[in-house]
Protein backbone atom coordinates (compact mmCIF):
# COMPACT_ATOMS: atom_id res chain seq x y z
CA MET A 1 0.00 0.00 0.00
CA PRO A 2 1.18 3.54 -0.69
CA GLU A 3 2.74 5.23 2.33
CA GLN A 4 2.31 8.83 1.11
CA THR A 5 0.33 10.20 -1.81
CA GLU A 6 0.53 13.64 -3.39
CA GLU A 7 -2.16 14.75 -5.82
CA LEU A 8 -2.24 17.73 -8.18
CA LYS A 9 -5.53 18.39 -10.00
CA GLY A 10 -6.30 20.80 -12.82
CA GLN A 11 -3.02 20.42 -14.68
CA ASP A 12 -2.60 20.86 -18.46
CA CYS A 13 -3.22 17.63 -20.39
CA PRO A 14 -0.52 17.00 -23.02
CA MET A 15 -3.11 15.44 -25.35
CA CYS A 16 -6.30 17.52 -25.28
CA LYS A 17 -4.75 20.69 -23.76
CA THR A 18 -7.51 21.12 -21.16
CA LYS A 19 -6.84 21.62 -17.44
CA ASN A 20 -8.35 18.26 -16.50
CA LEU A 21 -5.16 16.30 -15.77
CA THR A 22 -4.60 14.81 -12.32
CA LEU A 23 -1.04 13.95 -11.30
CA LEU A 24 -0.47 11.37 -8.57
CA GLU A 25 2.81 10.50 -6.90
CA SER A 26 3.09 7.97 -4.11
CA GLU A 27 5.82 6.11 -2.32
CA SER A 28 5.43 2.41 -1.63
CA GLU A 29 7.46 -0.52 -0.33
CA VAL A 30 7.76 -3.52 -2.65
CA PRO A 31 8.93 -6.61 -0.74
CA PHE A 32 12.40 -7.81 -1.81
CA PHE A 33 12.81 -4.78 -4.13
CA GLY A 34 12.67 -1.74 -1.86
CA LYS A 35 10.94 1.61 -1.86
CA VAL A 36 9.54 2.86 -5.14
CA TYR A 37 7.82 5.97 -6.40
CA LEU A 38 4.61 5.35 -8.34
CA PHE A 39 3.70 8.12 -10.77
CA SER A 40 0.50 8.47 -12.77
CA MET A 41 -1.35 11.08 -14.78
CA THR A 42 -4.95 10.80 -15.90
CA CYS A 43 -7.11 13.24 -17.85
CA GLU A 44 -10.80 13.34 -16.95
CA ASN A 45 -11.61 14.88 -20.34
CA CYS A 46 -9.87 12.68 -22.95
CA LYS A 47 -9.02 9.69 -20.67
CA TYR A 48 -5.27 9.98 -21.41
CA HIS A 49 -3.32 7.89 -18.88
CA LYS A 50 0.36 7.29 -18.22
CA SER A 51 2.08 5.67 -15.25
CA ASP A 52 5.58 4.73 -14.17
CA VAL A 53 7.55 3.06 -11.39
CA GLU A 54 10.93 4.27 -10.17
CA SER A 55 13.14 2.97 -7.37
CA THR A 56 14.08 5.47 -4.68
CA GLU A 57 17.64 4.08 -4.86
CA LYS A 58 20.00 4.36 -7.84
CA LYS A 59 20.20 0.92 -9.43
CA GLU A 60 22.43 -0.63 -12.08
CA PRO A 61 21.04 -1.75 -15.46
CA SER A 62 19.54 -5.20 -14.95
CA LYS A 63 18.15 -8.25 -16.66
CA TYR A 64 15.88 -10.79 -14.94
CA THR A 65 14.95 -14.15 -16.44
CA PHE A 66 12.28 -16.45 -15.04
CA GLU A 67 10.91 -19.78 -16.26
CA VAL A 68 7.17 -20.14 -15.74
CA GLY A 69 6.42 -23.82 -15.16
CA SER A 70 3.36 -23.99 -12.92
CA GLU A 71 0.20 -22.13 -11.99
CA GLU A 72 1.96 -21.04 -8.77
CA ASP A 73 4.59 -19.23 -10.88
CA LEU A 74 1.84 -16.99 -12.27
CA LYS A 75 1.71 -15.25 -8.86
CA VAL A 76 5.35 -14.09 -9.04
CA ARG A 77 5.51 -10.29 -8.72
CA VAL A 78 6.94 -8.19 -11.57
CA VAL A 79 7.98 -4.54 -11.34
CA ARG A 80 8.26 -2.94 -14.79
CA SER A 81 9.39 0.64 -15.40
CA SER A 82 8.48 2.45 -18.61
CA GLU A 83 12.10 1.94 -19.76
CA ALA A 84 11.97 -1.87 -19.52
CA THR A 85 11.70 -4.39 -22.32
CA ILE A 86 9.82 -7.62 -21.63
CA LYS A 87 10.77 -10.56 -23.82
CA ILE A 88 8.75 -13.74 -24.14
CA PRO A 89 10.65 -15.88 -26.68
CA HIS A 90 8.56 -17.23 -29.57
CA VAL A 91 5.59 -15.10 -28.42
CA THR A 92 6.35 -11.35 -28.22
CA THR A 93 8.58 -8.52 -27.09
CA ILE A 94 7.11 -5.54 -25.24
CA THR A 95 9.40 -2.60 -25.92
CA PRO A 96 9.47 0.79 -24.25
CA GLY A 97 8.35 3.81 -26.21
CA PRO A 98 6.96 7.30 -25.68
CA ALA A 99 3.60 5.91 -24.55
CA ALA A 100 5.03 3.06 -22.43
CA SER A 101 3.80 2.76 -18.86
CA GLY A 102 5.41 1.34 -15.79
CA TYR A 103 3.45 -0.95 -13.50
CA ILE A 104 3.58 -3.53 -10.74
CA THR A 105 1.82 -6.78 -11.60
CA ASN A 106 2.51 -10.51 -11.61
CA ILE A 107 3.44 -13.00 -14.34
CA GLU A 108 -0.24 -13.75 -14.93
CA GLY A 109 -0.95 -10.04 -15.43
CA ILE A 110 1.76 -9.77 -18.08
CA LEU A 111 0.53 -12.88 -19.88
CA LYS A 112 -3.05 -11.57 -19.85
CA ARG A 113 -1.90 -8.23 -21.31
CA VAL A 114 -0.08 -10.12 -24.07
CA LYS A 115 -3.10 -12.38 -24.62
CA TYR A 116 -5.37 -9.34 -24.99
CA GLN A 117 -3.01 -7.75 -27.54
CA ILE A 118 -2.85 -10.98 -29.56
CA GLU A 119 -6.66 -11.30 -29.48
CA GLU A 120 -6.97 -7.72 -30.77
CA THR A 121 -4.42 -8.43 -33.53
CA LYS A 122 -6.26 -11.63 -34.48
CA GLU A 123 -9.59 -9.80 -34.73
CA GLY A 124 -8.10 -7.13 -36.99
CA ALA A 125 -6.01 -9.47 -39.15
CA GLU A 126 -7.15 -9.93 -42.73
CA ASP A 127 -4.47 -12.45 -43.70
CA LYS A 128 -5.33 -16.10 -42.90
CA ALA A 129 -1.72 -16.86 -41.94
CA ASP A 130 -1.70 -13.99 -39.42
CA LYS A 131 -4.98 -15.21 -37.90
CA LYS A 132 -3.59 -18.75 -37.61
CA LYS A 133 -0.36 -17.52 -36.01
CA ALA A 134 -2.36 -15.50 -33.47
CA LYS A 135 -4.60 -18.51 -32.76
CA ASN A 136 -1.53 -20.71 -32.09
CA LEU A 137 0.01 -18.07 -29.80
CA LEU A 138 -3.26 -17.86 -27.86
CA LYS A 139 -3.27 -21.67 -27.46
CA LYS A 140 0.29 -21.54 -26.12
CA LEU A 141 -0.53 -18.75 -23.67
CA ASN A 142 -3.63 -20.59 -22.42
CA LYS A 143 -1.54 -23.72 -21.79
CA VAL A 144 0.93 -21.63 -19.79
CA LEU A 145 -1.91 -19.98 -17.84
CA TRP A 146 -3.29 -23.47 -17.07
CA GLY A 147 0.13 -24.71 -15.93
CA GLN A 148 0.44 -27.19 -18.83
CA GLU A 149 3.37 -25.60 -20.66
CA LYS A 150 6.58 -23.80 -19.71
CA LEU A 151 7.58 -20.34 -20.83
CA LYS A 152 10.54 -18.05 -20.21
CA ILE A 153 10.12 -14.35 -19.46
CA THR A 154 12.95 -11.81 -19.47
CA VAL A 155 12.78 -8.24 -18.19
CA GLU A 156 15.64 -5.94 -19.26
CA ASP A 157 15.88 -2.43 -17.84
CA PRO A 158 18.71 0.04 -18.53
CA THR A 159 17.60 2.07 -15.48
CA GLY A 160 17.50 -0.92 -13.10
CA ASN A 161 13.98 0.08 -12.01
CA SER A 162 12.43 -3.28 -12.93
CA ALA A 163 12.60 -6.77 -11.42
CA ILE A 164 11.04 -10.21 -11.24
CA ILE A 165 10.65 -10.85 -7.51
CA SER A 166 11.43 -14.55 -6.99
CA GLU A 167 14.29 -16.61 -5.60
CA ARG A 168 14.20 -18.52 -8.91
CA ALA A 169 14.59 -15.39 -11.05
CA VAL A 170 18.08 -15.18 -12.53
CA LYS A 171 19.52 -11.66 -12.31
CA GLY A 172 22.18 -10.58 -14.76
CA LYS A 173 23.60 -7.58 -16.54
CA ILE A 174 22.38 -6.18 -19.82
């Protein structure tokens, strides 16, 4: 839970230029990671939203790798800053960009985000081969979510503000 929260309302929205943007900043303790700042901005008018996570301590660039092999592994906590790249070999890579958000979730949350993106791609695909590829990726993700198939996830962050919080996560350098 956040320890302190600061809120600024009525700020200029970078998208719709109205004064309907609310800025939130809070400090929170993430077990086995340390204190973090959580930042978010949301516009009541155009629904623009951006969030990020930043460690209160200076950290070195890092890379975490974790093999998901059971339903229990889906509960493993993940801290992802907006600078981090998430790699799921043979499925997808989530790269940072100007609209990237930071968040705290778990492995299941990441897989569900990926699943949603693949479902959206499948719905919009006109090419049969693209639809079939998306269908196969969805099957694979469902098997992982049901604990029937293994999958490796890597989080790389040049700022060091991301982590996979598990004794089984392998930490390395980028």
